[in-house]
Amino acid sequence: MTKLHEVLAVDKDKEHQTKAIIAETMNTFKKAKEYFMGSIKTLQMFNDEDQMVADALVEERPITTSVPDRLSYTTDFIIDLIDVQMQKESTNQHATGDIIMEDGTVVATNIPATMLLGLERTLAQYRQIFTAIPTLASDTEWVLDTDKGDNIFKSKQPIKTLRTQRSFDIITLAEPTKEHKAQVEKVVIEKPVGTWTTTVWSGMITSSRKAQMLKRFDELTQAVKKSRMRANEQEVSKEKIGRALFSYIAAA
């Protein structure tokens, strides 16, 4: 029995092949109408003695093909593609898989194969969000502060900085002499007058927590892929509808 994954493997190839055949047929119908035309041109001489020569001058052009023959050739590919698609979709109605983690944890059951395929793409997109998660600064010791919220951290040790006050002083660089005045300079003095105490809160997560979530994300993605592969082991439906469709169209 044919398995669903075998049908999926050839589905795109058949689609591309059929597309090429259709394009070729369209071009033949539009630009190569001479393929459907034939003729014979004979010469009848008035003098019977010259008829042998005339018979040798017969011009004959055979018909290359007919429209029904060309349609039959083309529709065979279309019918085959339709039947493959029908079998694929019909089988997909029954192809399901369970998402099972490596440790045996069952995350979800009876997920349709088409959903599993879409879920792979969705998880790949959502992983970008988790990759962009900001994490707590590693040079600070953090503790949970439940008074602020369930997921709020605060710095364990407050950050202390000096509060200074600026003042100015005059210093003498050179004493005055009879010839010169004293040389002085105005300098800025920063004098400590207190201490700032800063406690920082953050709603970020630890880098280890982020790494754990990304690891689980990747494990789940792998489990979804394996589930899809198991779902695609479903035996393919034998239903065919292509011939019936085109028999109706071509009916006299």
Protein backbone atom coordinates (compact mmCIF):
# COMPACT_ATOMS: atom_id res chain seq x y z
CA MET A 1 0.00 0.00 0.00
CA THR A 2 1.18 3.52 -0.80
CA LYS A 3 1.92 5.71 2.22
CA LEU A 4 0.89 9.35 2.50
CA HIS A 5 4.51 10.58 2.64
CA GLU A 6 5.15 8.88 -0.72
CA VAL A 7 2.29 10.81 -2.31
CA LEU A 8 3.50 14.07 -0.74
CA ALA A 9 6.96 13.45 -2.19
CA VAL A 10 5.68 13.40 -5.80
CA ASP A 11 2.83 15.88 -5.45
CA LYS A 12 4.91 18.96 -6.29
CA ASP A 13 6.73 17.19 -9.12
CA LYS A 14 3.44 16.23 -10.74
CA GLU A 15 2.15 19.75 -10.27
CA HIS A 16 5.19 21.28 -12.00
CA GLN A 17 5.07 18.70 -14.80
CA THR A 18 1.38 19.28 -15.41
CA LYS A 19 1.91 23.05 -15.42
CA ALA A 20 4.55 22.67 -18.14
CA ILE A 21 2.30 20.43 -20.26
CA ILE A 22 -0.60 22.88 -19.95
CA ALA A 23 1.65 25.78 -21.02
CA GLU A 24 2.86 23.76 -24.01
CA THR A 25 -0.70 22.87 -25.02
CA MET A 26 -1.87 26.49 -24.66
CA ASN A 27 0.97 27.60 -26.91
CA THR A 28 0.05 24.91 -29.47
CA PHE A 29 -3.60 25.94 -29.50
CA LYS A 30 -2.78 29.63 -29.89
CA LYS A 31 0.32 29.72 -32.09
CA ALA A 32 0.64 26.37 -33.82
CA LYS A 33 -2.77 25.79 -35.35
CA GLU A 34 -1.07 24.31 -38.39
CA TYR A 35 -0.54 21.17 -36.31
CA PHE A 36 -4.25 20.51 -36.65
CA MET A 37 -4.39 21.10 -40.39
CA GLY A 38 -3.52 18.74 -43.27
CA SER A 39 -3.75 19.03 -47.04
CA ILE A 40 -3.00 17.36 -50.34
CA LYS A 41 -2.39 19.24 -53.56
CA THR A 42 -2.51 17.36 -56.87
CA LEU A 43 -2.00 18.39 -60.45
CA GLN A 44 -4.19 17.14 -63.29
CA MET A 45 -2.52 17.66 -66.66
CA PHE A 46 -4.58 18.23 -69.80
CA ASN A 47 -2.19 16.03 -71.70
CA ASP A 48 -2.27 12.44 -70.46
CA GLU A 49 1.31 11.96 -71.53
CA ASP A 50 2.45 14.51 -68.92
CA GLN A 51 0.40 13.05 -66.07
CA MET A 52 3.27 10.92 -64.78
CA VAL A 53 5.27 14.07 -64.17
CA ALA A 54 2.27 15.70 -62.50
CA ASP A 55 1.81 12.75 -60.15
CA ALA A 56 5.34 13.29 -58.89
CA LEU A 57 4.50 16.89 -58.01
CA VAL A 58 1.82 16.01 -55.51
CA GLU A 59 2.14 18.12 -52.34
CA GLU A 60 0.86 16.44 -49.20
CA ARG A 61 0.95 17.70 -45.63
CA PRO A 62 -0.31 15.27 -43.02
CA ILE A 63 -2.14 16.35 -39.86
CA THR A 64 0.27 16.34 -36.91
CA THR A 65 -2.44 15.86 -34.30
CA SER A 66 -6.06 16.62 -33.54
CA VAL A 67 -7.53 18.80 -30.84
CA PRO A 68 -9.15 15.80 -29.08
CA ASP A 69 -5.85 13.89 -29.18
CA ARG A 70 -3.95 16.85 -27.78
CA LEU A 71 -6.61 17.35 -25.12
CA SER A 72 -6.46 13.67 -24.22
CA TYR A 73 -2.69 13.85 -23.88
CA THR A 74 -2.89 16.95 -21.69
CA THR A 75 -5.85 15.89 -19.59
CA ASP A 76 -4.12 12.61 -18.74
CA PHE A 77 -1.58 14.66 -16.79
CA ILE A 78 -4.29 16.84 -15.25
CA ILE A 79 -6.33 13.79 -14.27
CA ASP A 80 -3.30 12.18 -12.67
CA LEU A 81 -2.59 15.35 -10.68
CA ILE A 82 -6.21 15.71 -9.57
CA ASP A 83 -6.27 12.09 -8.42
CA VAL A 84 -3.03 12.53 -6.45
CA GLN A 85 -4.45 15.65 -4.81
CA MET A 86 -7.72 13.86 -4.11
CA GLN A 87 -5.90 10.93 -2.53
CA LYS A 88 -3.73 13.28 -0.51
CA GLU A 89 -6.62 15.34 0.84
CA SER A 90 -8.83 12.31 1.41
CA THR A 91 -6.04 10.59 3.33
CA ASN A 92 -5.32 13.77 5.29
CA GLN A 93 -8.86 13.54 6.68
CA HIS A 94 -7.76 10.42 8.55
CA ALA A 95 -4.02 11.05 9.00
CA THR A 96 -3.38 12.17 12.56
CA GLY A 97 -0.51 12.07 15.00
CA ASP A 98 0.15 12.50 18.72
CA ILE A 99 2.75 15.02 19.91
CA ILE A 100 4.92 12.96 22.27
CA MET A 101 8.05 14.27 23.96
CA GLU A 102 11.24 12.22 24.36
CA ASP A 103 10.40 11.48 28.00
CA GLY A 104 7.02 10.08 26.98
CA THR A 105 4.99 13.16 27.91
CA VAL A 106 1.96 13.43 25.60
CA VAL A 107 1.34 17.08 24.79
CA ALA A 108 -1.58 16.61 22.36
CA THR A 109 -3.34 13.76 20.56
CA ASN A 110 -5.04 13.13 17.22
CA ILE A 111 -3.63 16.21 15.51
CA PRO A 112 -4.37 16.25 11.74
CA ALA A 113 -1.28 15.91 9.54
CA THR A 114 -2.02 19.22 7.80
CA MET A 115 -2.21 20.94 11.20
CA LEU A 116 1.11 19.40 12.20
CA LEU A 117 2.74 20.71 9.02
CA GLY A 118 1.40 24.22 9.65
CA LEU A 119 2.42 23.97 13.31
CA GLU A 120 6.04 23.41 12.32
CA ARG A 121 6.06 26.71 10.41
CA THR A 122 4.21 28.49 13.21
CA LEU A 123 6.63 27.32 15.89
CA ALA A 124 9.58 28.43 13.77
CA GLN A 125 8.07 31.94 13.58
CA TYR A 126 7.20 32.11 17.28
CA ARG A 127 10.69 31.00 18.31
CA GLN A 128 11.97 34.38 17.18
CA ILE A 129 9.95 35.97 20.01
CA PHE A 130 11.61 33.76 22.61
CA THR A 131 15.04 34.42 21.13
CA ALA A 132 14.49 38.16 21.59
CA ILE A 133 13.57 37.89 25.31
CA PRO A 134 15.67 40.31 27.43
CA THR A 135 17.34 38.78 30.50
CA LEU A 136 18.45 40.04 33.91
CA ALA A 137 21.91 41.59 34.14
CA SER A 138 24.37 38.90 35.16
CA ASP A 139 26.50 41.28 37.27
CA THR A 140 23.64 41.87 39.74
CA GLU A 141 22.24 39.45 42.32
CA TRP A 142 18.48 39.29 41.99
CA VAL A 143 15.70 38.05 44.29
CA LEU A 144 11.97 37.70 43.70
CA ASP A 145 9.88 40.49 45.19
CA THR A 146 6.35 39.08 45.57
CA ASP A 147 5.19 42.42 46.99
CA LYS A 148 5.67 43.92 43.54
CA GLY A 149 4.22 41.00 41.57
CA ASP A 150 4.56 37.32 40.78
CA ASN A 151 7.36 37.76 38.25
CA ILE A 152 9.20 40.78 39.57
CA PHE A 153 12.83 40.68 40.68
CA LYS A 154 14.73 43.25 42.69
CA SER A 155 18.42 43.74 43.27
CA LYS A 156 19.43 41.95 46.47
CA GLN A 157 21.96 44.59 47.38
CA PRO A 158 20.93 48.24 46.91
CA ILE A 159 23.30 50.33 44.82
CA LYS A 160 24.91 53.09 46.87
CA THR A 161 26.38 56.22 45.32
CA LEU A 162 27.62 59.47 46.88
CA ARG A 163 25.63 62.66 46.73
CA THR A 164 28.06 65.54 46.24
CA GLN A 165 27.78 69.28 46.39
CA ARG A 166 29.84 71.56 44.22
CA SER A 167 31.69 74.54 45.65
CA PHE A 168 34.53 76.77 44.54
CA ASP A 169 37.81 77.76 46.13
CA ILE A 170 40.68 80.01 45.23
CA ILE A 171 44.20 78.68 45.38
CA THR A 172 47.36 80.72 45.08
CA LEU A 173 49.75 79.54 42.45
CA ALA A 174 52.37 82.25 43.06
CA GLU A 175 52.76 84.86 45.80
CA PRO A 176 52.71 88.51 44.80
CA THR A 177 55.96 90.40 44.22
CA LYS A 178 56.82 94.06 43.66
CA GLU A 179 56.62 93.50 39.95
CA HIS A 180 53.69 91.01 39.70
CA LYS A 181 50.39 90.37 41.27
CA ALA A 182 49.70 87.06 42.93
CA GLN A 183 48.77 84.24 40.53
CA VAL A 184 45.55 82.55 41.63
CA GLU A 185 43.18 79.94 40.17
CA LYS A 186 39.53 79.19 40.81
CA VAL A 187 38.96 75.46 41.35
CA VAL A 188 35.84 73.32 41.64
CA ILE A 189 35.45 71.19 44.72
CA GLU A 190 33.01 68.24 44.82
CA LYS A 191 32.21 67.62 48.47
CA PRO A 192 30.31 64.50 49.61
CA VAL A 193 27.14 65.50 51.42
CA GLY A 194 25.14 62.26 51.46
CA THR A 195 24.57 58.79 50.03
CA TRP A 196 22.12 57.72 47.31
CA THR A 197 20.59 54.26 47.83
CA THR A 198 19.04 52.75 44.69
CA THR A 199 17.01 49.54 44.61
CA VAL A 200 16.29 48.22 41.10
CA TRP A 201 13.28 46.13 40.06
CA SER A 202 13.00 44.18 36.82
CA GLY A 203 10.35 42.17 35.02
CA MET A 204 12.95 40.33 32.92
CA ILE A 205 13.80 36.67 33.34
CA THR A 206 17.07 34.92 34.08
CA SER A 207 19.25 33.81 31.21
CA SER A 208 18.99 30.22 32.46
CA ARG A 209 15.19 30.42 32.33
CA LYS A 210 15.36 31.75 28.77
CA ALA A 211 17.73 28.95 27.75
CA GLN A 212 15.38 26.39 29.30
CA MET A 213 12.38 27.73 27.38
CA LEU A 214 14.29 27.74 24.08
CA LYS A 215 15.40 24.17 24.75
CA ARG A 216 11.81 23.09 25.35
CA PHE A 217 10.74 25.02 22.25
CA ASP A 218 13.20 23.07 20.14
CA GLU A 219 12.23 19.77 21.77
CA LEU A 220 8.57 20.48 21.03
CA THR A 221 9.36 21.36 17.41
CA GLN A 222 11.18 18.05 17.00
CA ALA A 223 8.25 16.20 18.56
CA VAL A 224 5.85 17.89 16.11
CA LYS A 225 8.05 16.87 13.16
CA LYS A 226 8.14 13.26 14.35
CA SER A 227 4.38 13.30 14.86
CA ARG A 228 3.88 14.54 11.30
CA MET A 229 6.13 11.79 9.98
CA ARG A 230 4.09 9.18 11.87
CA ALA A 231 0.86 10.71 10.55
CA ASN A 232 2.22 10.49 7.01
CA GLU A 233 2.56 6.73 7.39
CA GLN A 234 -1.21 6.57 6.87
CA GLU A 235 -2.14 4.39 3.88
CA VAL A 236 -3.27 6.47 0.93
CA SER A 237 -6.91 6.50 -0.10
CA LYS A 238 -7.60 4.96 -3.52
CA GLU A 239 -10.28 7.47 -4.45
CA LYS A 240 -10.07 8.96 -7.96
CA ILE A 241 -12.25 11.62 -9.54
CA GLY A 242 -10.19 13.10 -12.39
CA ARG A 243 -11.48 10.82 -15.17
CA ALA A 244 -15.11 11.39 -14.15
CA LEU A 245 -14.63 15.17 -14.25
CA PHE A 246 -13.14 15.25 -17.74
CA SER A 247 -15.52 12.59 -19.08
CA TYR A 248 -18.34 14.95 -18.16
CA ILE A 249 -16.60 17.91 -19.87
CA ALA A 250 -15.86 15.97 -23.07
CA ALA A 251 -19.22 14.25 -23.31
CA ALA A 252 -20.82 14.67 -26.76
